[in-house]
Amino acid sequence: MTDMLDAVGLYWEVWIASSHRHLRELTEAINLNKRTSQAAKSIFVSAASMSAALPGVMEAILEGGWPVIGIALPSPEFPNAMDALLSMVRMPGRMPVMCAGIGKSGFVNAATIACQLVAFADSDFVGVLERNQRDASEEKPAKIPLRISTRVIPGGGE
């Protein structure tokens, strides 16, 4: 996911937080991002397993002004990630969370959706995205590298 964002020149950062255990820290981080990105909107990608509350909590904190893309992750109890997937797609009206998929392919799809949203808002970016998609068309999904770099929210990450 991050390699794709790097390839098309989009800035990204990763936060690790739990919506259940560290709501205050998560809220502070999102609100700081909202204040500092008024001119350049952000797209939030949230990966979660089990009850998968994180994407919905992020959408509630964001109050509908920024897109939230969810990725369902497997857990020991639900290795097919069905519980997380259902939590993301059963959001109430006016609380949209896009669901990009399950596991590794979900991360790749989330990056693609984020790029498509940028292209929708910036017609010059369409060509960048099309070139990147052509270049990646030869790669099998299992071969697409994922590089994780993190910024841990204080007290978060459980």
N, C-alpha and C. Protein backbone atom coordinates (compact mmCIF):
# COMPACT_ATOMS: atom_id res chain seq x y z
N MET A 1 0.82 -1.19 0.00
CA MET A 1 0.00 0.00 0.00
C MET A 1 0.86 1.26 0.00
N THR A 2 1.82 1.32 0.92
CA THR A 2 2.64 2.52 1.01
C THR A 2 3.54 2.69 -0.21
N ASP A 3 3.99 1.58 -0.78
CA ASP A 3 4.81 1.69 -2.00
C ASP A 3 4.01 2.31 -3.14
N MET A 4 2.74 1.96 -3.24
CA MET A 4 1.91 2.54 -4.29
C MET A 4 1.73 4.04 -4.05
N LEU A 5 1.48 4.43 -2.81
CA LEU A 5 1.32 5.85 -2.51
C LEU A 5 2.61 6.61 -2.77
N ASP A 6 3.76 6.01 -2.44
CA ASP A 6 5.05 6.63 -2.75
C ASP A 6 5.24 6.76 -4.26
N ALA A 7 4.86 5.73 -5.01
CA ALA A 7 5.07 5.73 -6.45
C ALA A 7 4.31 6.85 -7.16
N VAL A 8 3.17 7.23 -6.61
CA VAL A 8 2.39 8.30 -7.24
C VAL A 8 2.59 9.64 -6.55
N GLY A 9 3.46 9.67 -5.53
CA GLY A 9 3.82 10.93 -4.90
C GLY A 9 2.83 11.45 -3.87
N LEU A 10 2.06 10.58 -3.24
CA LEU A 10 1.13 11.03 -2.21
C LEU A 10 1.76 10.87 -0.82
N TYR A 11 1.61 11.90 0.00
CA TYR A 11 2.10 11.86 1.37
C TYR A 11 1.20 10.92 2.18
N TRP A 12 1.79 10.16 3.08
CA TRP A 12 1.02 9.27 3.94
C TRP A 12 1.70 9.15 5.28
N GLU A 13 0.96 8.74 6.27
CA GLU A 13 1.52 8.39 7.56
C GLU A 13 0.64 7.31 8.17
N VAL A 14 1.22 6.54 9.08
CA VAL A 14 0.50 5.45 9.72
C VAL A 14 0.40 5.75 11.21
N TRP A 15 -0.79 5.60 11.74
CA TRP A 15 -1.01 5.70 13.18
C TRP A 15 -1.43 4.33 13.66
N ILE A 16 -1.06 3.98 14.88
CA ILE A 16 -1.53 2.75 15.50
C ILE A 16 -2.32 3.16 16.74
N ALA A 17 -3.59 2.78 16.77
CA ALA A 17 -4.44 3.17 17.88
C ALA A 17 -5.59 2.18 18.02
N SER A 18 -6.16 2.16 19.20
CA SER A 18 -7.33 1.34 19.47
C SER A 18 -8.49 2.28 19.80
N SER A 19 -9.60 2.13 19.08
CA SER A 19 -10.75 2.99 19.36
C SER A 19 -11.39 2.64 20.70
N HIS A 20 -11.18 1.42 21.18
CA HIS A 20 -11.74 1.00 22.46
C HIS A 20 -10.91 1.46 23.65
N ARG A 21 -9.60 1.37 23.52
CA ARG A 21 -8.72 1.62 24.65
C ARG A 21 -8.13 3.03 24.69
N HIS A 22 -8.09 3.71 23.55
CA HIS A 22 -7.38 4.99 23.49
C HIS A 22 -8.18 6.03 22.70
N LEU A 23 -9.45 6.14 23.02
CA LEU A 23 -10.33 7.04 22.27
C LEU A 23 -9.88 8.50 22.37
N ARG A 24 -9.45 8.93 23.56
CA ARG A 24 -9.03 10.32 23.72
C ARG A 24 -7.84 10.64 22.82
N GLU A 25 -6.83 9.78 22.82
CA GLU A 25 -5.65 10.01 22.00
C GLU A 25 -5.99 9.98 20.51
N LEU A 26 -6.85 9.04 20.12
CA LEU A 26 -7.28 8.95 18.73
C LEU A 26 -8.02 10.22 18.32
N THR A 27 -8.94 10.67 19.17
CA THR A 27 -9.70 11.89 18.88
C THR A 27 -8.78 13.09 18.74
N GLU A 28 -7.82 13.21 19.64
CA GLU A 28 -6.86 14.33 19.57
C GLU A 28 -6.06 14.29 18.27
N ALA A 29 -5.58 13.12 17.88
CA ALA A 29 -4.78 12.99 16.66
C ALA A 29 -5.61 13.34 15.43
N ILE A 30 -6.85 12.85 15.37
CA ILE A 30 -7.71 13.13 14.22
C ILE A 30 -8.07 14.61 14.18
N ASN A 31 -8.40 15.19 15.31
CA ASN A 31 -8.75 16.62 15.33
C ASN A 31 -7.56 17.49 14.95
N LEU A 32 -6.35 17.11 15.37
CA LEU A 32 -5.16 17.85 14.95
C LEU A 32 -5.02 17.77 13.43
N ASN A 33 -5.22 16.57 12.87
CA ASN A 33 -5.14 16.41 11.42
C ASN A 33 -6.20 17.25 10.73
N LYS A 34 -7.40 17.30 11.27
CA LYS A 34 -8.47 18.11 10.68
C LYS A 34 -8.09 19.58 10.65
N ARG A 35 -7.51 20.08 11.74
CA ARG A 35 -7.14 21.50 11.81
C ARG A 35 -6.00 21.83 10.86
N THR A 36 -5.05 20.92 10.70
CA THR A 36 -3.87 21.22 9.88
C THR A 36 -4.06 20.87 8.42
N SER A 37 -5.17 20.23 8.06
CA SER A 37 -5.34 19.83 6.66
C SER A 37 -6.62 20.39 6.05
N GLN A 38 -7.05 21.55 6.51
CA GLN A 38 -8.27 22.13 5.96
C GLN A 38 -8.14 22.39 4.46
N ALA A 39 -6.99 22.90 4.02
CA ALA A 39 -6.81 23.20 2.60
C ALA A 39 -6.55 21.93 1.80
N ALA A 40 -5.77 21.03 2.34
CA ALA A 40 -5.44 19.77 1.67
C ALA A 40 -6.11 18.64 2.45
N LYS A 41 -7.24 18.21 1.99
CA LYS A 41 -8.00 17.17 2.71
C LYS A 41 -7.22 15.87 2.82
N SER A 42 -7.50 15.14 3.85
CA SER A 42 -6.89 13.83 4.07
C SER A 42 -7.89 12.73 3.74
N ILE A 43 -7.36 11.57 3.45
CA ILE A 43 -8.15 10.36 3.27
C ILE A 43 -7.67 9.40 4.35
N PHE A 44 -8.57 8.89 5.14
CA PHE A 44 -8.20 8.02 6.25
C PHE A 44 -8.44 6.56 5.88
N VAL A 45 -7.45 5.73 6.14
CA VAL A 45 -7.55 4.29 5.92
C VAL A 45 -7.43 3.63 7.28
N SER A 46 -8.38 2.76 7.58
CA SER A 46 -8.40 2.14 8.90
C SER A 46 -8.51 0.64 8.75
N ALA A 47 -7.57 -0.08 9.33
CA ALA A 47 -7.60 -1.54 9.32
C ALA A 47 -7.99 -2.02 10.71
N ALA A 48 -8.92 -2.96 10.77
CA ALA A 48 -9.39 -3.44 12.06
C ALA A 48 -9.90 -4.87 11.95
N SER A 49 -9.81 -5.58 13.07
CA SER A 49 -10.34 -6.93 13.12
C SER A 49 -11.44 -6.98 14.17
N MET A 50 -12.01 -8.15 14.34
CA MET A 50 -13.04 -8.42 15.33
C MET A 50 -14.21 -7.44 15.18
N SER A 51 -14.51 -6.62 16.18
CA SER A 51 -15.69 -5.75 16.06
C SER A 51 -15.46 -4.62 15.06
N ALA A 52 -14.23 -4.36 14.70
CA ALA A 52 -13.87 -3.36 13.69
C ALA A 52 -14.53 -2.01 13.93
N ALA A 53 -14.51 -1.55 15.17
CA ALA A 53 -15.13 -0.27 15.49
C ALA A 53 -14.33 0.92 14.98
N LEU A 54 -13.02 0.75 14.76
CA LEU A 54 -12.16 1.87 14.44
C LEU A 54 -12.62 2.70 13.23
N PRO A 55 -12.96 2.10 12.08
CA PRO A 55 -13.40 2.94 10.96
C PRO A 55 -14.65 3.77 11.28
N GLY A 56 -15.61 3.18 11.96
CA GLY A 56 -16.82 3.92 12.32
C GLY A 56 -16.55 5.01 13.33
N VAL A 57 -15.69 4.74 14.30
CA VAL A 57 -15.33 5.76 15.29
C VAL A 57 -14.61 6.92 14.59
N MET A 58 -13.71 6.59 13.67
CA MET A 58 -13.01 7.65 12.93
C MET A 58 -14.00 8.49 12.14
N GLU A 59 -14.97 7.85 11.49
CA GLU A 59 -15.98 8.59 10.72
C GLU A 59 -16.77 9.50 11.65
N ALA A 60 -17.11 9.03 12.84
CA ALA A 60 -17.86 9.86 13.79
C ALA A 60 -17.04 11.07 14.23
N ILE A 61 -15.75 10.87 14.50
CA ILE A 61 -14.89 11.98 14.91
C ILE A 61 -14.73 12.97 13.76
N LEU A 62 -14.62 12.47 12.55
CA LEU A 62 -14.41 13.32 11.37
C LEU A 62 -15.68 14.05 10.95
N GLU A 63 -16.82 13.61 11.43
CA GLU A 63 -18.11 14.25 11.15
C GLU A 63 -18.41 14.37 9.67
N GLY A 64 -18.01 13.36 8.91
CA GLY A 64 -18.38 13.30 7.51
C GLY A 64 -17.58 14.13 6.53
N GLY A 65 -16.58 14.86 6.98
CA GLY A 65 -15.85 15.74 6.08
C GLY A 65 -14.71 15.09 5.32
N TRP A 66 -14.29 13.92 5.74
CA TRP A 66 -13.15 13.24 5.14
C TRP A 66 -13.52 11.79 4.88
N PRO A 67 -13.05 11.21 3.77
CA PRO A 67 -13.36 9.80 3.50
C PRO A 67 -12.62 8.86 4.46
N VAL A 68 -13.31 7.79 4.85
CA VAL A 68 -12.71 6.73 5.66
C VAL A 68 -12.83 5.42 4.86
N ILE A 69 -11.70 4.79 4.63
CA ILE A 69 -11.66 3.51 3.92
C ILE A 69 -11.28 2.44 4.93
N GLY A 70 -12.12 1.42 5.05
CA GLY A 70 -11.86 0.36 6.01
C GLY A 70 -11.26 -0.88 5.36
N ILE A 71 -10.44 -1.58 6.12
CA ILE A 71 -9.86 -2.85 5.69
C ILE A 71 -10.15 -3.85 6.80
N ALA A 72 -10.85 -4.91 6.46
CA ALA A 72 -11.17 -5.94 7.45
C ALA A 72 -9.98 -6.87 7.61
N LEU A 73 -9.61 -7.14 8.84
CA LEU A 73 -8.49 -8.03 9.13
C LEU A 73 -8.96 -9.29 9.84
N PRO A 74 -8.34 -10.41 9.53
CA PRO A 74 -8.69 -11.65 10.22
C PRO A 74 -8.26 -11.60 11.68
N SER A 75 -8.90 -12.41 12.49
CA SER A 75 -8.53 -12.55 13.90
C SER A 75 -8.52 -14.04 14.22
N PRO A 76 -7.94 -14.41 15.34
CA PRO A 76 -7.95 -15.84 15.69
C PRO A 76 -9.37 -16.42 15.77
N GLU A 77 -10.30 -15.62 16.25
CA GLU A 77 -11.68 -16.10 16.39
C GLU A 77 -12.39 -16.19 15.04
N PHE A 78 -12.05 -15.27 14.12
CA PHE A 78 -12.68 -15.21 12.80
C PHE A 78 -11.61 -15.08 11.72
N PRO A 79 -10.96 -16.18 11.35
CA PRO A 79 -9.86 -16.09 10.38
C PRO A 79 -10.30 -15.62 8.99
N ASN A 80 -11.59 -15.65 8.70
CA ASN A 80 -12.07 -15.16 7.41
C ASN A 80 -12.45 -13.67 7.47
N ALA A 81 -12.31 -13.04 8.64
CA ALA A 81 -12.57 -11.61 8.86
C ALA A 81 -14.02 -11.22 8.65
N MET A 82 -14.93 -12.17 8.67
CA MET A 82 -16.33 -11.86 8.40
C MET A 82 -16.92 -10.90 9.44
N ASP A 83 -16.53 -11.04 10.71
CA ASP A 83 -17.06 -10.14 11.73
C ASP A 83 -16.63 -8.70 11.47
N ALA A 84 -15.36 -8.50 11.11
CA ALA A 84 -14.86 -7.16 10.82
C ALA A 84 -15.52 -6.59 9.57
N LEU A 85 -15.65 -7.42 8.56
CA LEU A 85 -16.27 -6.98 7.31
C LEU A 85 -17.71 -6.52 7.54
N LEU A 86 -18.47 -7.31 8.28
CA LEU A 86 -19.87 -6.93 8.54
C LEU A 86 -19.95 -5.66 9.39
N SER A 87 -19.02 -5.47 10.31
CA SER A 87 -19.02 -4.25 11.12
C SER A 87 -18.81 -3.01 10.25
N MET A 88 -18.04 -3.14 9.21
CA MET A 88 -17.75 -1.99 8.34
C MET A 88 -18.89 -1.70 7.37
N VAL A 89 -19.52 -2.73 6.86
CA VAL A 89 -20.55 -2.49 5.83
C VAL A 89 -21.93 -2.22 6.43
N ARG A 90 -22.08 -2.40 7.72
CA ARG A 90 -23.37 -2.17 8.36
C ARG A 90 -23.42 -0.85 9.12
N MET A 91 -22.76 0.17 8.58
CA MET A 91 -22.76 1.49 9.21
C MET A 91 -24.12 2.15 8.99
N PRO A 92 -24.57 2.97 9.94
CA PRO A 92 -25.84 3.66 9.76
C PRO A 92 -25.75 4.73 8.67
N GLY A 93 -26.88 5.16 8.18
CA GLY A 93 -26.92 6.20 7.15
C GLY A 93 -26.18 7.45 7.58
N ARG A 94 -25.56 8.09 6.63
CA ARG A 94 -24.76 9.30 6.81
C ARG A 94 -23.51 9.09 7.67
N MET A 95 -23.12 7.82 7.81
CA MET A 95 -21.87 7.47 8.49
C MET A 95 -21.11 6.52 7.56
N PRO A 96 -20.75 6.99 6.35
CA PRO A 96 -20.18 6.07 5.37
C PRO A 96 -18.74 5.66 5.69
N VAL A 97 -18.51 4.37 5.58
CA VAL A 97 -17.16 3.81 5.64
C VAL A 97 -17.03 2.92 4.41
N MET A 98 -16.11 3.25 3.53
CA MET A 98 -15.86 2.38 2.39
C MET A 98 -15.11 1.16 2.88
N CYS A 99 -15.40 0.01 2.34
CA CYS A 99 -14.66 -1.19 2.70
C CYS A 99 -13.90 -1.67 1.48
N ALA A 100 -12.57 -1.66 1.60
CA ALA A 100 -11.71 -1.97 0.45
C ALA A 100 -11.43 -3.45 0.29
N GLY A 101 -11.69 -4.25 1.30
CA GLY A 101 -11.42 -5.67 1.19
C GLY A 101 -10.90 -6.24 2.49
N ILE A 102 -10.37 -7.45 2.38
CA ILE A 102 -9.89 -8.19 3.54
C ILE A 102 -8.39 -8.42 3.41
N GLY A 103 -7.66 -8.16 4.49
CA GLY A 103 -6.24 -8.47 4.52
C GLY A 103 -5.39 -7.68 3.55
N LYS A 104 -4.34 -8.34 3.03
CA LYS A 104 -3.35 -7.67 2.18
C LYS A 104 -3.98 -7.05 0.93
N SER A 105 -4.89 -7.77 0.28
CA SER A 105 -5.52 -7.18 -0.91
C SER A 105 -6.35 -5.96 -0.53
N GLY A 106 -6.89 -5.94 0.69
CA GLY A 106 -7.62 -4.76 1.16
C GLY A 106 -6.74 -3.54 1.25
N PHE A 107 -5.48 -3.73 1.69
CA PHE A 107 -4.54 -2.60 1.75
C PHE A 107 -4.24 -2.07 0.34
N VAL A 108 -4.02 -2.96 -0.61
CA VAL A 108 -3.74 -2.55 -1.99
C VAL A 108 -4.97 -1.83 -2.56
N ASN A 109 -6.16 -2.38 -2.32
CA ASN A 109 -7.39 -1.74 -2.80
C ASN A 109 -7.60 -0.38 -2.14
N ALA A 110 -7.29 -0.26 -0.85
CA ALA A 110 -7.45 1.02 -0.15
C ALA A 110 -6.55 2.08 -0.77
N ALA A 111 -5.31 1.72 -1.09
CA ALA A 111 -4.40 2.67 -1.74
C ALA A 111 -4.94 3.07 -3.11
N THR A 112 -5.48 2.10 -3.83
CA THR A 112 -6.05 2.39 -5.15
C THR A 112 -7.25 3.33 -5.03
N ILE A 113 -8.14 3.07 -4.08
CA ILE A 113 -9.30 3.94 -3.86
C ILE A 113 -8.84 5.35 -3.48
N ALA A 114 -7.85 5.44 -2.59
CA ALA A 114 -7.34 6.76 -2.19
C ALA A 114 -6.82 7.52 -3.41
N CYS A 115 -6.08 6.83 -4.26
CA CYS A 115 -5.56 7.47 -5.49
C CYS A 115 -6.70 7.89 -6.40
N GLN A 116 -7.73 7.06 -6.52
CA GLN A 116 -8.88 7.41 -7.35
C GLN A 116 -9.61 8.64 -6.81
N LEU A 117 -9.71 8.75 -5.49
CA LEU A 117 -10.35 9.93 -4.90
C LEU A 117 -9.54 11.19 -5.19
N VAL A 118 -8.22 11.09 -5.11
CA VAL A 118 -7.37 12.23 -5.44
C VAL A 118 -7.53 12.58 -6.92
N ALA A 119 -7.56 11.57 -7.79
CA ALA A 119 -7.72 11.82 -9.22
C ALA A 119 -9.07 12.47 -9.52
N PHE A 120 -10.09 12.11 -8.78
CA PHE A 120 -11.42 12.70 -8.97
C PHE A 120 -11.37 14.20 -8.69
N ALA A 121 -10.58 14.60 -7.69
CA ALA A 121 -10.48 16.01 -7.31
C ALA A 121 -9.42 16.77 -8.09
N ASP A 122 -8.48 16.06 -8.73
CA ASP A 122 -7.36 16.71 -9.42
C ASP A 122 -7.16 16.00 -10.76
N SER A 123 -7.68 16.61 -11.83
CA SER A 123 -7.65 15.94 -13.14
C SER A 123 -6.23 15.68 -13.62
N ASP A 124 -5.24 16.46 -13.19
CA ASP A 124 -3.85 16.21 -13.58
C ASP A 124 -3.33 14.91 -12.98
N PHE A 125 -3.89 14.50 -11.85
CA PHE A 125 -3.44 13.30 -11.17
C PHE A 125 -3.93 12.03 -11.86
N VAL A 126 -4.95 12.15 -12.72
CA VAL A 126 -5.49 10.98 -13.42
C VAL A 126 -4.39 10.28 -14.22
N GLY A 127 -3.56 11.03 -14.93
CA GLY A 127 -2.49 10.44 -15.73
C GLY A 127 -1.47 9.72 -14.86
N VAL A 128 -1.14 10.29 -13.70
CA VAL A 128 -0.21 9.65 -12.77
C VAL A 128 -0.77 8.31 -12.33
N LEU A 129 -2.05 8.29 -11.96
CA LEU A 129 -2.69 7.06 -11.51
C LEU A 129 -2.76 6.03 -12.63
N GLU A 130 -3.12 6.45 -13.83
CA GLU A 130 -3.20 5.50 -14.96
C GLU A 130 -1.84 4.86 -15.25
N ARG A 131 -0.76 5.67 -15.22
CA ARG A 131 0.58 5.11 -15.44
C ARG A 131 0.93 4.11 -14.36
N ASN A 132 0.64 4.43 -13.12
CA ASN A 132 0.94 3.53 -12.01
C ASN A 132 0.16 2.23 -12.15
N GLN A 133 -1.10 2.30 -12.53
CA GLN A 133 -1.92 1.10 -12.69
C GLN A 133 -1.37 0.23 -13.83
N ARG A 134 -0.94 0.85 -14.92
CA ARG A 134 -0.35 0.09 -16.03
C ARG A 134 0.93 -0.61 -15.59
N ASP A 135 1.77 0.14 -14.86
CA ASP A 135 3.04 -0.44 -14.39
C ASP A 135 2.81 -1.61 -13.44
N ALA A 136 1.78 -1.53 -12.64
CA ALA A 136 1.50 -2.58 -11.65
C ALA A 136 0.70 -3.73 -12.23
N SER A 137 0.21 -3.59 -13.43
CA SER A 137 -0.69 -4.62 -13.98
C SER A 137 0.01 -5.96 -14.18
N GLU A 138 1.32 -5.95 -14.27
CA GLU A 138 2.06 -7.20 -14.45
C GLU A 138 2.33 -7.92 -13.13
N GLU A 139 2.17 -7.21 -12.02
CA GLU A 139 2.47 -7.81 -10.72
C GLU A 139 1.28 -8.61 -10.21
N LYS A 140 1.55 -9.74 -9.63
CA LYS A 140 0.52 -10.51 -8.97
C LYS A 140 0.28 -9.87 -7.60
N PRO A 141 -0.96 -9.89 -7.08
CA PRO A 141 -1.21 -9.25 -5.78
C PRO A 141 -0.27 -9.72 -4.68
N ALA A 142 0.11 -10.99 -4.66
CA ALA A 142 1.00 -11.49 -3.60
C ALA A 142 2.40 -10.89 -3.73
N LYS A 143 2.75 -10.38 -4.91
CA LYS A 143 4.08 -9.83 -5.14
C LYS A 143 4.14 -8.32 -4.87
N ILE A 144 3.00 -7.69 -4.62
CA ILE A 144 3.01 -6.26 -4.38
C ILE A 144 3.56 -6.03 -2.98
N PRO A 145 4.69 -5.32 -2.87
CA PRO A 145 5.33 -5.18 -1.56
C PRO A 145 4.55 -4.22 -0.66
N LEU A 146 4.50 -4.56 0.61
CA LEU A 146 3.92 -3.67 1.61
C LEU A 146 5.02 -3.28 2.58
N ARG A 147 5.19 -2.01 2.78
CA ARG A 147 6.18 -1.50 3.72
C ARG A 147 5.41 -0.73 4.78
N ILE A 148 5.59 -1.09 6.02
CA ILE A 148 4.87 -0.43 7.10
C ILE A 148 5.83 0.44 7.89
N SER A 149 5.47 1.69 7.99
CA SER A 149 6.21 2.63 8.82
C SER A 149 5.17 3.20 9.77
N THR A 150 5.54 3.41 11.01
CA THR A 150 4.50 3.76 11.96
C THR A 150 4.79 5.02 12.73
N ARG A 151 3.73 5.68 13.10
CA ARG A 151 3.75 6.76 14.08
C ARG A 151 2.76 6.30 15.14
N VAL A 152 3.25 5.96 16.30
CA VAL A 152 2.39 5.43 17.35
C VAL A 152 1.79 6.58 18.15
N ILE A 153 0.47 6.56 18.28
CA ILE A 153 -0.19 7.55 19.12
C ILE A 153 0.14 7.20 20.56
N PRO A 154 0.59 8.16 21.35
CA PRO A 154 0.95 7.85 22.74
C PRO A 154 -0.17 7.09 23.45
N GLY A 155 0.19 5.96 24.01
CA GLY A 155 -0.78 5.13 24.71
C GLY A 155 -1.60 4.26 23.79
N GLY A 156 -1.37 4.32 22.48
CA GLY A 156 -2.16 3.56 21.51
C GLY A 156 -1.48 2.27 21.11
N GLY A 157 -2.09 1.60 20.16
CA GLY A 157 -1.47 0.44 19.56
C GLY A 157 -1.76 -0.88 20.18
N GLU A 158 -2.73 -0.96 21.04
CA GLU A 158 -3.05 -2.27 21.61
C GLU A 158 -4.13 -2.95 20.81
